[in-house]
C-alpha atoms as a PDB file:
ATOM      1  CA  MET A   1      10.071  21.046  13.613  1.00  0.00           C
ATOM      2  CA  TYR A   2       9.918  19.551  10.139  1.00  0.00           C
ATOM      3  CA  THR A   3      11.694  20.307   6.888  1.00  0.00           C
ATOM      4  CA  GLY A   4       9.181  21.239   4.184  1.00  0.00           C
ATOM      5  CA  LEU A   5       9.858  20.236   0.579  1.00  0.00           C
ATOM      6  CA  VAL A   6       7.620  21.656  -2.168  1.00  0.00           C
ATOM      7  CA  LEU A   7       7.936  19.799  -5.481  1.00  0.00           C
ATOM      8  CA  ALA A   8       7.114  22.313  -8.205  1.00  0.00           C
ATOM      9  CA  ALA A   9       8.337  20.808 -11.479  1.00  0.00           C
ATOM     10  CA  SER A  10       6.101  20.892 -14.573  1.00  0.00           C
ATOM     11  CA  ARG A  11       6.272  20.733 -18.347  1.00  0.00           C
ATOM     12  CA  GLY A  12       7.239  24.393 -18.507  1.00  0.00           C
ATOM     13  CA  ASN A  13       5.574  26.592 -21.133  1.00  0.00           C
ATOM     14  CA  LEU A  14       4.371  23.454 -22.952  1.00  0.00           C
ATOM     15  CA  ASP A  15       1.929  22.797 -20.135  1.00  0.00           C
ATOM     16  CA  PRO A  16      -1.631  23.671 -21.253  1.00  0.00           C
ATOM     17  CA  LEU A  17      -2.338  25.481 -17.975  1.00  0.00           C
ATOM     18  CA  ALA A  18       0.832  27.550 -18.277  1.00  0.00           C
ATOM     19  CA  GLN A  19      -0.161  28.485 -21.808  1.00  0.00           C
ATOM     20  CA  ALA A  20      -3.719  29.335 -20.769  1.00  0.00           C
ATOM     21  CA  GLY A  21      -2.416  31.441 -17.898  1.00  0.00           C
ATOM     22  CA  GLY A  22       0.167  33.225 -20.028  1.00  0.00           C
ATOM     23  CA  VAL A  23       3.014  32.235 -17.714  1.00  0.00           C
ATOM     24  CA  SER A  24       6.251  30.335 -18.117  1.00  0.00           C
ATOM     25  CA  HIS A  25       5.392  27.565 -15.637  1.00  0.00           C
ATOM     26  CA  LYS A  26       2.223  25.834 -14.436  1.00  0.00           C
ATOM     27  CA  CYS A  27       2.970  26.609 -10.795  1.00  0.00           C
ATOM     28  CA  PHE A  28       3.000  30.328 -11.623  1.00  0.00           C
ATOM     29  CA  ILE A  29      -0.634  30.495 -12.817  1.00  0.00           C
ATOM     30  CA  ASP A  30      -2.924  32.889 -10.975  1.00  0.00           C
ATOM     31  CA  ILE A  31      -5.262  31.421  -8.367  1.00  0.00           C
ATOM     32  CA  ALA A  32      -7.701  34.082  -7.148  1.00  0.00           C
ATOM     33  CA  GLY A  33      -5.095  36.816  -7.335  1.00  0.00           C
ATOM     34  CA  GLN A  34      -1.933  34.989  -6.283  1.00  0.00           C
ATOM     35  CA  PRO A  35       0.510  32.652  -8.061  1.00  0.00           C
ATOM     36  CA  MET A  36      -0.290  29.041  -7.236  1.00  0.00           C
ATOM     37  CA  LEU A  37       3.227  28.297  -5.957  1.00  0.00           C
ATOM     38  CA  ARG A  38       2.980  31.219  -3.561  1.00  0.00           C
ATOM     39  CA  ARG A  39      -0.232  29.823  -2.062  1.00  0.00           C
ATOM     40  CA  VAL A  40       1.353  26.422  -1.474  1.00  0.00           C
ATOM     41  CA  VAL A  41       4.576  27.756   0.042  1.00  0.00           C
ATOM     42  CA  GLU A  42       2.624  30.187   2.229  1.00  0.00           C
ATOM     43  CA  ALA A  43       0.521  27.275   3.540  1.00  0.00           C
ATOM     44  CA  VAL A  44       3.650  25.272   4.357  1.00  0.00           C
ATOM     45  CA  MET A  45       5.524  28.104   6.048  1.00  0.00           C
ATOM     46  CA  GLY A  46       2.455  29.427   7.853  1.00  0.00           C
ATOM     47  CA  SER A  47       1.699  26.112   9.539  1.00  0.00           C
ATOM     48  CA  GLY A  48       4.066  26.841  12.408  1.00  0.00           C
ATOM     49  CA  ARG A  49       5.509  23.311  12.120  1.00  0.00           C
ATOM     50  CA  ILE A  50       8.088  23.848   9.372  1.00  0.00           C
ATOM     51  CA  GLY A  51      11.549  25.048  10.323  1.00  0.00           C
ATOM     52  CA  ARG A  52      13.193  24.857   6.906  1.00  0.00           C
ATOM     53  CA  THR A  53      11.518  25.242   3.490  1.00  0.00           C
ATOM     54  CA  ILE A  54      12.933  23.931   0.207  1.00  0.00           C
ATOM     55  CA  VAL A  55      11.410  24.478  -3.254  1.00  0.00           C
ATOM     56  CA  ALA A  56      12.422  22.040  -6.013  1.00  0.00           C
ATOM     57  CA  ILE A  57      11.748  23.486  -9.458  1.00  0.00           C
ATOM     58  CA  GLU A  58      13.416  23.479 -12.874  1.00  0.00           C
ATOM     59  CA  GLU A  59      16.733  25.282 -12.771  1.00  0.00           C
ATOM     60  CA  GLY A  60      15.607  27.792 -15.399  1.00  0.00           C
ATOM     61  CA  SER A  61      12.588  28.766 -13.286  1.00  0.00           C
ATOM     62  CA  ILE A  62      14.371  29.278  -9.952  1.00  0.00           C
ATOM     63  CA  ALA A  63      14.923  33.016 -10.440  1.00  0.00           C
ATOM     64  CA  GLU A  64      11.278  33.644 -11.312  1.00  0.00           C
ATOM     65  CA  ALA A  65      10.067  31.496  -8.413  1.00  0.00           C
ATOM     66  CA  ARG A  66      12.328  33.424  -6.052  1.00  0.00           C
ATOM     67  CA  ALA A  67      10.883  36.726  -7.312  1.00  0.00           C
ATOM     68  CA  LEU A  68       7.270  35.525  -6.917  1.00  0.00           C
ATOM     69  CA  LEU A  69       7.917  34.506  -3.311  1.00  0.00           C
ATOM     70  CA  ALA A  70      10.168  37.433  -2.394  1.00  0.00           C
ATOM     71  CA  ASP A  71       7.665  39.284  -0.223  1.00  0.00           C
ATOM     72  CA  LEU A  72       6.454  36.310   1.782  1.00  0.00           C
ATOM     73  CA  PRO A  73       7.363  36.467   5.483  1.00  0.00           C
ATOM     74  CA  GLY A  74      10.598  34.501   5.833  1.00  0.00           C
ATOM     75  CA  ALA A  75      11.209  34.423   2.070  1.00  0.00           C
ATOM     76  CA  ASP A  76      14.935  34.966   2.573  1.00  0.00           C
ATOM     77  CA  THR A  77      15.166  31.564   4.294  1.00  0.00           C
ATOM     78  CA  ILE A  78      13.608  29.579   1.413  1.00  0.00           C
ATOM     79  CA  GLU A  79      16.103  27.298  -0.321  1.00  0.00           C
ATOM     80  CA  TYR A  80      15.826  26.467  -4.026  1.00  0.00           C
ATOM     81  CA  VAL A  81      17.120  23.336  -5.732  1.00  0.00           C
ATOM     82  CA  ALA A  82      16.890  22.122  -9.313  1.00  0.00           C
ATOM     83  CA  SER A  83      14.239  19.441  -9.807  1.00  0.00           C
ATOM     84  CA  ARG A  84      15.125  16.157 -11.479  1.00  0.00           C
ATOM     85  CA  ASP A  85      13.429  13.923 -14.062  1.00  0.00           C
ATOM     86  CA  ASN A  86      10.624  12.670 -11.816  1.00  0.00           C
ATOM     87  CA  ILE A  87       9.179  12.888  -8.312  1.00  0.00           C
ATOM     88  CA  GLY A  88      11.292  10.051  -6.943  1.00  0.00           C
ATOM     89  CA  THR A  89      14.624  11.366  -8.124  1.00  0.00           C
ATOM     90  CA  SER A  90      13.720  14.951  -7.147  1.00  0.00           C
ATOM     91  CA  VAL A  91      13.007  13.885  -3.568  1.00  0.00           C
ATOM     92  CA  ALA A  92      16.036  11.589  -3.417  1.00  0.00           C
ATOM     93  CA  ALA A  93      18.285  14.448  -4.562  1.00  0.00           C
ATOM     94  CA  VAL A  94      17.211  16.561  -1.576  1.00  0.00           C
ATOM     95  CA  ALA A  95      16.300  14.157   1.237  1.00  0.00           C
ATOM     96  CA  ARG A  96      19.101  13.209   3.583  1.00  0.00           C
ATOM     97  CA  GLU A  97      19.248  12.178   7.193  1.00  0.00           C
ATOM     98  CA  GLU A  98      20.027  15.588   8.670  1.00  0.00           C
ATOM     99  CA  LEU A  99      16.867  17.056   7.036  1.00  0.00           C
ATOM    100  CA  LEU A 100      14.540  14.532   8.660  1.00  0.00           C
ATOM    101  CA  PRO A 101      11.746  14.558   9.568  1.00  0.00           C
ATOM    102  CA  MET A 102      10.556  15.939   6.225  1.00  0.00           C
ATOM    103  CA  VAL A 103       7.091  16.818   4.933  1.00  0.00           C
ATOM    104  CA  ILE A 104       6.666  16.796   1.157  1.00  0.00           C
ATOM    105  CA  THR A 105       3.915  18.358  -0.929  1.00  0.00           C
ATOM    106  CA  THR A 106       3.474  19.562  -4.494  1.00  0.00           C
ATOM    107  CA  GLY A 107       3.329  22.999  -6.049  1.00  0.00           C
ATOM    108  CA  ASP A 108      -0.055  22.435  -7.680  1.00  0.00           C
ATOM    109  CA  ASN A 109      -2.010  21.751  -4.488  1.00  0.00           C
ATOM    110  CA  ALA A 110      -3.344  25.290  -4.474  1.00  0.00           C
ATOM    111  CA  LEU A 111      -6.061  24.538  -1.921  1.00  0.00           C
ATOM    112  CA  HIS A 112      -3.712  23.392   0.822  1.00  0.00           C
ATOM    113  CA  THR A 113      -3.866  25.638   3.858  1.00  0.00           C
ATOM    114  CA  SER A 114      -1.673  26.149   6.885  1.00  0.00           C
ATOM    115  CA  GLU A 115      -4.342  24.352   8.902  1.00  0.00           C
ATOM    116  CA  MET A 116      -4.021  21.251   6.695  1.00  0.00           C
ATOM    117  CA  VAL A 117      -0.244  21.198   6.928  1.00  0.00           C
ATOM    118  CA  ARG A 118      -0.390  21.710  10.684  1.00  0.00           C
ATOM    119  CA  PHE A 119      -2.962  18.912  11.090  1.00  0.00           C
ATOM    120  CA  PHE A 120      -0.732  16.550   9.091  1.00  0.00           C
ATOM    121  CA  CYS A 121       2.375  17.435  11.106  1.00  0.00           C
ATOM    122  CA  ASP A 122       0.541  17.157  14.410  1.00  0.00           C
ATOM    123  CA  SER A 123      -0.666  13.687  13.359  1.00  0.00           C
ATOM    124  CA  LEU A 124       2.931  12.633  12.665  1.00  0.00           C
ATOM    125  CA  ASP A 125       4.196  13.448  16.137  1.00  0.00           C
ATOM    126  CA  GLY A 126       5.101  10.254  17.956  1.00  0.00           C
ATOM    127  CA  LEU A 127       4.882   7.953  14.923  1.00  0.00           C
ATOM    128  CA  PRO A 128       8.658   7.270  14.736  1.00  0.00           C
ATOM    129  CA  GLY A 129       8.494   6.022  18.329  1.00  0.00           C
ATOM    130  CA  GLN A 130       5.861   3.521  17.169  1.00  0.00           C
ATOM    131  CA  GLY A 131       8.166   2.150  14.473  1.00  0.00           C
ATOM    132  CA  VAL A 132       6.619   4.142  11.610  1.00  0.00           C
ATOM    133  CA  ASP A 133       9.061   5.320   8.937  1.00  0.00           C
ATOM    134  CA  GLY A 134       6.818   7.375   6.677  1.00  0.00           C
ATOM    135  CA  ALA A 135       3.272   8.601   6.201  1.00  0.00           C
ATOM    136  CA  LEU A 136       0.873   9.882   3.578  1.00  0.00           C
ATOM    137  CA  GLY A 137      -2.225  12.039   3.803  1.00  0.00           C
ATOM    138  CA  LEU A 138      -5.538  10.705   2.451  1.00  0.00           C
ATOM    139  CA  THR A 139      -9.057  12.105   2.493  1.00  0.00           C
ATOM    140  CA  PRO A 140     -12.099   9.784   2.512  1.00  0.00           C
ATOM    141  CA  ALA A 141     -14.011   9.979  -0.777  1.00  0.00           C
ATOM    142  CA  SER A 142     -17.248  10.660   1.072  1.00  0.00           C
ATOM    143  CA  TYR A 143     -15.875  13.989   2.348  1.00  0.00           C
ATOM    144  CA  ILE A 144     -14.901  15.090  -1.159  1.00  0.00           C
ATOM    145  CA  LEU A 145     -17.987  13.975  -3.072  1.00  0.00           C
ATOM    146  CA  GLU A 146     -20.364  15.462  -0.541  1.00  0.00           C
ATOM    147  CA  LYS A 147     -18.807  18.893  -0.888  1.00  0.00           C
ATOM    148  CA  TYR A 148     -17.352  18.853  -4.427  1.00  0.00           C
ATOM    149  CA  PRO A 149     -19.091  16.228  -6.597  1.00  0.00           C
ATOM    150  CA  GLU A 150     -17.739  18.003  -9.671  1.00  0.00           C
ATOM    151  CA  GLY A 151     -14.140  17.435  -8.524  1.00  0.00           C
ATOM    152  CA  ASN A 152     -13.866  14.088 -10.376  1.00  0.00           C
ATOM    153  CA  ARG A 153     -10.999  12.807  -8.235  1.00  0.00           C
ATOM    154  CA  ALA A 154      -9.230   9.492  -8.680  1.00  0.00           C
ATOM    155  CA  PHE A 155      -9.905   7.258  -5.677  1.00  0.00           C
ATOM    156  CA  HIS A 156      -8.057   4.346  -4.105  1.00  0.00           C
ATOM    157  CA  ARG A 157     -10.783   1.798  -3.241  1.00  0.00           C
ATOM    158  CA  PHE A 158     -10.531  -0.692  -0.378  1.00  0.00           C
ATOM    159  CA  ARG A 159     -12.836  -2.861   1.667  1.00  0.00           C
ATOM    160  CA  ASP A 160     -13.249  -0.102   4.240  1.00  0.00           C
ATOM    161  CA  GLY A 161     -13.903   2.693   1.754  1.00  0.00           C
ATOM    162  CA  ALA A 162     -12.421   4.883  -0.951  1.00  0.00           C
ATOM    163  CA  PHE A 163      -9.757   7.514  -0.394  1.00  0.00           C
ATOM    164  CA  SER A 164      -7.913  10.160  -2.393  1.00  0.00           C
ATOM    165  CA  SER A 165      -4.317  11.254  -1.908  1.00  0.00           C
ATOM    166  CA  CYS A 166      -3.744  14.770  -0.622  1.00  0.00           C
ATOM    167  CA  ASN A 167      -0.250  14.796  -2.156  1.00  0.00           C
ATOM    168  CA  ILE A 168       1.305  15.313   1.242  1.00  0.00           C
ATOM    169  CA  TYR A 169       3.863  12.825   2.524  1.00  0.00           C
ATOM    170  CA  ALA A 170       6.359  12.460   5.335  1.00  0.00           C
ATOM    171  CA  LEU A 171       9.795  10.877   5.630  1.00  0.00           C
ATOM    172  CA  LEU A 172      10.377  10.295   9.330  1.00  0.00           C
ATOM    173  CA  THR A 173      13.334   7.938   9.821  1.00  0.00           C
ATOM    174  CA  PRO A 174      16.589   7.193   7.973  1.00  0.00           C
ATOM    175  CA  ARG A 175      14.970   4.028   6.627  1.00  0.00           C
ATOM    176  CA  SER A 176      12.331   6.167   4.897  1.00  0.00           C
ATOM    177  CA  LEU A 177      14.987   7.565   2.559  1.00  0.00           C
ATOM    178  CA  ASN A 178      14.535   4.398   0.469  1.00  0.00           C
ATOM    179  CA  GLY A 179      10.881   5.269  -0.082  1.00  0.00           C
ATOM    180  CA  PRO A 180      11.010   7.960  -2.809  1.00  0.00           C
ATOM    181  CA  ARG A 181      12.190   5.463  -5.431  1.00  0.00           C
ATOM    182  CA  VAL A 182       8.640   4.091  -5.710  1.00  0.00           C
ATOM    183  CA  PHE A 183       7.767   7.372  -7.441  1.00  0.00           C
ATOM    184  CA  ASN A 184      10.430   6.988 -10.124  1.00  0.00           C
ATOM    185  CA  SER A 185       7.660   5.934 -12.529  1.00  0.00           C
ATOM    186  CA  GLY A 186       5.897   9.248 -11.937  1.00  0.00           C
ATOM    187  CA  GLY A 187       3.492   8.320  -9.143  1.00  0.00           C
ATOM    188  CA  GLN A 188      -0.205   9.199  -9.672  1.00  0.00           C
ATOM    189  CA  PHE A 189      -1.132   5.646  -8.651  1.00  0.00           C
ATOM    190  CA  GLY A 190      -4.804   6.554  -8.287  1.00  0.00           C
ATOM    191  CA  LYS A 191      -5.020   7.823 -11.867  1.00  0.00           C
ATOM    192  CA  LYS A 192      -2.608   5.242 -13.295  1.00  0.00           C
ATOM    193  CA  PRO A 193      -2.787   2.207 -10.975  1.00  0.00           C
ATOM    194  CA  LYS A 194      -0.772  -0.047 -13.304  1.00  0.00           C
ATOM    195  CA  ARG A 195       2.282   1.939 -12.251  1.00  0.00           C
ATOM    196  CA  LEU A 196       1.957   0.018  -8.980  1.00  0.00           C
ATOM    197  CA  ILE A 197       3.314  -3.065 -10.760  1.00  0.00           C
ATOM    198  CA  GLY A 198       6.616  -1.356 -11.509  1.00  0.00           C
ATOM    199  CA  ALA A 199       6.794   0.265  -8.089  1.00  0.00           C
ATOM    200  CA  PHE A 200       5.655  -2.599  -5.844  1.00  0.00           C
ATOM    201  CA  GLY A 201       5.334  -5.771  -7.951  1.00  0.00           C
ATOM    202  CA  LEU A 202       2.463  -7.778  -9.418  1.00  0.00           C
ATOM    203  CA  PHE A 203       1.296  -9.316  -6.131  1.00  0.00           C
ATOM    204  CA  ALA A 204       0.872  -5.916  -4.503  1.00  0.00           C
ATOM    205  CA  PHE A 205      -0.971  -4.662  -7.572  1.00  0.00           C
ATOM    206  CA  LEU A 206      -3.423  -7.570  -7.448  1.00  0.00           C
ATOM    207  CA  LEU A 207      -3.902  -7.063  -3.709  1.00  0.00           C
ATOM    208  CA  TYR A 208      -4.699  -3.410  -4.344  1.00  0.00           C
ATOM    209  CA  LYS A 209      -7.063  -4.092  -7.251  1.00  0.00           C
ATOM    210  CA  SER A 210      -8.995  -6.834  -5.455  1.00  0.00           C
ATOM    211  CA  ARG A 211     -10.658  -4.382  -3.032  1.00  0.00           C
ATOM    212  CA  LEU A 212     -10.930  -7.278  -0.587  1.00  0.00           C
ATOM    213  CA  PHE A 213      -8.630  -5.753   2.027  1.00  0.00           C
ATOM    214  CA  THR A 214      -8.614  -2.612   4.147  1.00  0.00           C
ATOM    215  CA  LEU A 215      -6.520   0.456   3.476  1.00  0.00           C
ATOM    216  CA  ARG A 216      -4.115  -0.342   6.319  1.00  0.00           C
ATOM    217  CA  THR A 217      -3.685  -3.975   5.197  1.00  0.00           C
ATOM    218  CA  VAL A 218      -2.850  -3.028   1.616  1.00  0.00           C
ATOM    219  CA  LEU A 219      -0.606  -0.144   2.673  1.00  0.00           C
ATOM    220  CA  GLY A 220       1.227  -2.507   4.997  1.00  0.00           C
ATOM    221  CA  ALA A 221       1.820  -4.963   2.151  1.00  0.00           C
ATOM    222  CA  LEU A 222       3.011  -2.206  -0.178  1.00  0.00           C
ATOM    223  CA  SER A 223       5.310  -0.844   2.518  1.00  0.00           C
ATOM    224  CA  ARG A 224       6.966  -4.199   3.146  1.00  0.00           C
ATOM    225  CA  THR A 225       8.047  -4.444  -0.497  1.00  0.00           C
ATOM    226  CA  VAL A 226      10.201  -1.331  -0.049  1.00  0.00           C
ATOM    227  CA  GLY A 227      11.354  -2.218   3.454  1.00  0.00           C
ATOM    228  CA  LEU A 228       9.673   0.457   5.524  1.00  0.00           C
ATOM    229  CA  ARG A 229       6.529   0.951   7.560  1.00  0.00           C
ATOM    230  CA  THR A 230       4.093   3.586   6.319  1.00  0.00           C
ATOM    231  CA  ALA A 231       1.044   4.984   8.108  1.00  0.00           C
ATOM    232  CA  PRO A 232      -2.016   6.637   6.543  1.00  0.00           C
ATOM    233  CA  ILE A 233      -3.034  10.006   7.958  1.00  0.00           C
ATOM    234  CA  LEU A 234      -6.749  10.576   7.359  1.00  0.00           C
ATOM    235  CA  MET A 235      -7.263  14.239   6.561  1.00  0.00           C
ATOM    236  CA  PRO A 236     -10.693  15.767   7.332  1.00  0.00           C
ATOM    237  CA  PHE A 237     -10.400  18.302   4.495  1.00  0.00           C
ATOM    238  CA  ALA A 238     -12.426  17.882   1.302  1.00  0.00           C
ATOM    239  CA  GLU A 239     -10.114  20.318  -0.492  1.00  0.00           C
ATOM    240  CA  GLY A 240      -6.917  18.422   0.335  1.00  0.00           C
ATOM    241  CA  PRO A 241      -6.792  16.144  -2.733  1.00  0.00           C
ATOM    242  CA  ILE A 242      -7.874  18.779  -5.294  1.00  0.00           C
ATOM    243  CA  ASP A 243      -4.717  19.586  -7.219  1.00  0.00           C
ATOM    244  CA  VAL A 244      -4.674  21.766 -10.336  1.00  0.00           C
ATOM    245  CA  ASP A 245      -3.909  19.518 -13.307  1.00  0.00           C
ATOM    246  CA  ARG A 246      -6.679  20.524 -15.713  1.00  0.00           C
ATOM    247  CA  MET A 247      -8.694  23.567 -16.727  1.00  0.00           C
ATOM    248  CA  GLN A 248     -11.690  22.415 -14.675  1.00  0.00           C
ATOM    249  CA  ASP A 249      -9.430  22.039 -11.615  1.00  0.00           C
ATOM    250  CA  TRP A 250      -8.168  25.583 -12.147  1.00  0.00           C
ATOM    251  CA  GLU A 251     -11.701  26.939 -12.365  1.00  0.00           C
ATOM    252  CA  LEU A 252     -12.755  24.972  -9.275  1.00  0.00           C
ATOM    253  CA  ALA A 253      -9.724  26.129  -7.267  1.00  0.00           C
ATOM    254  CA  ASN A 254     -10.403  29.759  -8.185  1.00  0.00           C
ATOM    255  CA  ARG A 255     -14.039  29.449  -7.115  1.00  0.00           C
ATOM    256  CA  ILE A 256     -13.219  27.733  -3.809  1.00  0.00           C
ATOM    257  CA  ILE A 257     -10.572  30.255  -2.808  1.00  0.00           C
ATOM    258  CA  ARG A 258     -12.720  33.245  -3.781  1.00  0.00           C
ATOM    259  CA  GLU A 259     -15.512  31.869  -1.604  1.00  0.00           C
ATOM    260  CA  ARG A 260     -13.047  31.080   1.183  1.00  0.00           C
ATOM    261  CA  GLU A 261     -11.495  34.544   1.113  1.00  0.00           C
ATOM    262  CA  GLY A 262     -14.690  36.435   0.332  1.00  0.00           C
ATOM    263  CA  THR A 263     -13.259  38.023  -2.821  1.00  0.00           C
ATOM    264  CA  ALA A 264     -15.106  38.798  -6.050  1.00  0.00           C
END
């Protein structure tokens, strides 16, 4: 079993989506009849692969988050911790050896399903025995653009194709606990690739931008700079990378889930 960590920090009521939704926090906006955070946590807990669930959110929003999730099956076992200044420090504040292996996702990935989380976890099984310390989920661009050309995702482009992050990660070994620091700049490397320079160095940035090497080659080079081995998990889900950062994402997520659930 894995520990599940849901990172749910936002800009509070200053976030445009929170304001548009009339809520105190972006992760509390309504997605086809349910708060977005509830959908994400339900996907994590419903996967059957998560034994312990932790939600990291601003301290002032913990009580409201707890109330929104109160009637989920197993809600009384959810742990809440105060988020920190950025993704890296929020993960580092929670992750410790006794909680490994750990699967990490974000509170704005409203389209994640239990099936996606289960597929990711199933793909992780056995990787530590192969010397892999961590992993990240990626969906090929072709899957996304064929189904949702309006999604306008940011892609990582390599010699063997383009991919988009599903915002789902795994820390598998004690050595992986050094990994979260690469997100201290805020992450979002697909949207803001120059952040790679601060996280991995100029050489790794140039390797990434050249598009002359495969995904696994570049990921291997990036991993070596932080002293751990990371594996890509290719996710066959077009919805996996669609997070809710903008109004058009919100509208798209609502439409997809209404069609998925057959609701008006």
